[in-house]
Amino acid sequence: MAYVKLEKQKHTAKSEPFVTIGSQGIFYLNSFLMRKYFKDVKFVNFLYDRDKKQLAIEPIVKEGENSFRLNYSSISKSTGVIAARSIAKEVKIDFTKTKQYKAEWNSEKKLLEVRL
């Protein structure tokens, strides 16, 4: 059987905001989000609306008592990484399987909203 050249698949991360919640409760912000809304951000707060089942990630300037550090992935260098297992547990996110969520920037409140 002869080889067939495979075509490169279009990747939506460059133009759409996605948050991935991986095993161990690690939150990943795609490169689009990092470039557009989280550039130079080192800390975030998490907020939760129980009625809407919606999580929000708020970029903040200074570290606070309940803030989480936002790092860059050592692999992709453009993806944001937040170790927030306690948040995943508190809002009852099943993080045994990696799952990707569409996100939306709320410019009025200046936070990223993620419907779970």
Protein backbone atom coordinates (compact mmCIF):
# COMPACT_ATOMS: atom_id res chain seq x y z
CA MET A 1 0.00 0.00 0.00
CA ALA A 2 1.35 3.44 -0.90
CA TYR A 3 1.64 6.36 1.48
CA VAL A 4 -0.81 9.24 1.14
CA LYS A 5 0.18 12.72 2.24
CA LEU A 6 -2.02 13.94 5.11
CA GLU A 7 -3.20 17.52 5.16
CA LYS A 8 -2.71 19.85 8.05
CA GLN A 9 -5.94 20.41 9.99
CA LYS A 10 -7.08 23.93 10.77
CA HIS A 11 -6.67 24.70 14.46
CA THR A 12 -9.31 26.94 16.04
CA ALA A 13 -7.18 28.01 19.00
CA LYS A 14 -5.87 31.02 17.10
CA SER A 15 -9.27 32.59 16.61
CA GLU A 16 -11.62 31.24 19.27
CA PRO A 17 -11.48 31.36 23.08
CA PHE A 18 -11.28 27.92 24.70
CA VAL A 19 -10.59 26.72 28.21
CA THR A 20 -9.56 23.12 28.68
CA ILE A 21 -9.86 21.44 32.05
CA GLY A 22 -7.49 18.52 32.22
CA SER A 23 -6.81 15.70 34.59
CA GLN A 24 -5.65 16.77 38.02
CA GLY A 25 -7.85 19.90 37.76
CA ILE A 26 -5.45 21.89 35.60
CA PHE A 27 -7.05 24.75 33.63
CA TYR A 28 -5.54 25.62 30.24
CA LEU A 29 -6.26 28.92 28.50
CA ASN A 30 -5.57 28.71 24.77
CA SER A 31 -3.15 31.03 23.02
CA PHE A 32 -5.98 33.21 21.70
CA LEU A 33 -7.08 34.03 25.26
CA MET A 34 -3.54 34.58 26.45
CA ARG A 35 -2.72 37.01 23.62
CA LYS A 36 -5.98 38.92 23.73
CA TYR A 37 -7.04 39.08 27.40
CA PHE A 38 -4.37 37.65 29.69
CA LYS A 39 -1.16 39.14 28.31
CA ASP A 40 1.16 40.09 31.17
CA VAL A 41 -1.34 38.71 33.73
CA LYS A 42 0.23 36.69 36.55
CA PHE A 43 -2.77 36.00 38.81
CA VAL A 44 -6.47 35.22 38.44
CA ASN A 45 -9.52 34.86 40.63
CA PHE A 46 -12.24 32.31 40.04
CA LEU A 47 -15.91 33.22 40.41
CA TYR A 48 -18.91 30.91 40.10
CA ASP A 49 -22.59 31.49 39.33
CA ARG A 50 -24.43 28.45 40.71
CA ASP A 51 -27.73 29.30 38.98
CA LYS A 52 -26.16 29.55 35.52
CA LYS A 53 -23.55 26.85 36.23
CA GLN A 54 -21.01 29.28 34.88
CA LEU A 55 -17.42 29.75 35.94
CA ALA A 56 -15.59 33.03 35.46
CA ILE A 57 -11.86 33.70 35.42
CA GLU A 58 -10.88 37.23 36.37
CA PRO A 59 -7.41 38.55 35.54
CA ILE A 60 -5.96 40.55 38.45
CA VAL A 61 -2.88 42.72 38.86
CA LYS A 62 -1.68 41.65 42.30
CA GLU A 63 -1.73 38.34 44.11
CA GLY A 64 -4.63 38.10 46.56
CA GLU A 65 -5.57 35.75 49.36
CA ASN A 66 -7.70 33.54 47.08
CA SER A 67 -5.93 34.13 43.78
CA PHE A 68 -4.26 31.52 41.59
CA ARG A 69 -1.01 31.90 39.67
CA LEU A 70 -1.29 31.96 35.88
CA ASN A 71 1.76 30.40 34.24
CA TYR A 72 2.72 29.65 30.66
CA SER A 73 2.90 26.03 29.55
CA SER A 74 6.44 24.72 29.34
CA ILE A 75 5.43 22.79 26.21
CA SER A 76 3.57 25.29 24.04
CA LYS A 77 4.91 28.53 25.61
CA SER A 78 1.71 30.32 24.55
CA THR A 79 -0.92 28.41 26.54
CA GLY A 80 -1.88 29.60 30.01
CA VAL A 81 -1.87 27.07 32.86
CA ILE A 82 -3.65 27.38 36.21
CA ALA A 83 -3.38 24.63 38.81
CA ALA A 84 -6.83 24.87 40.39
CA ARG A 85 -7.90 21.40 41.45
CA SER A 86 -9.72 22.84 44.48
CA ILE A 87 -11.89 24.94 42.15
CA ALA A 88 -12.69 21.96 39.93
CA LYS A 89 -13.71 19.98 43.01
CA GLU A 90 -15.76 22.81 44.50
CA VAL A 91 -17.87 23.32 41.37
CA LYS A 92 -18.05 19.55 40.79
CA ILE A 93 -16.25 19.40 37.44
CA ASP A 94 -15.40 15.85 36.41
CA PHE A 95 -11.71 16.25 35.69
CA THR A 96 -10.97 12.54 35.25
CA LYS A 97 -11.32 13.22 31.51
CA THR A 98 -9.91 16.24 29.74
CA LYS A 99 -12.69 18.42 28.37
CA GLN A 100 -12.67 21.62 26.34
CA TYR A 101 -15.15 24.45 26.94
CA LYS A 102 -15.96 27.42 24.74
CA ALA A 103 -15.41 30.64 26.62
CA GLU A 104 -16.62 34.18 26.18
CA TRP A 105 -15.02 37.44 27.27
CA ASN A 106 -17.34 39.74 29.22
CA SER A 107 -15.92 43.18 28.43
CA GLU A 108 -18.27 44.94 30.84
CA LYS A 109 -17.12 42.88 33.85
CA LYS A 110 -13.61 42.24 32.44
CA LEU A 111 -13.67 38.50 33.00
CA LEU A 112 -13.75 35.28 31.05
CA GLU A 113 -16.99 33.30 31.31
CA VAL A 114 -17.06 29.53 30.88
CA ARG A 115 -20.39 27.69 30.78
CA LEU A 116 -19.91 24.25 32.32
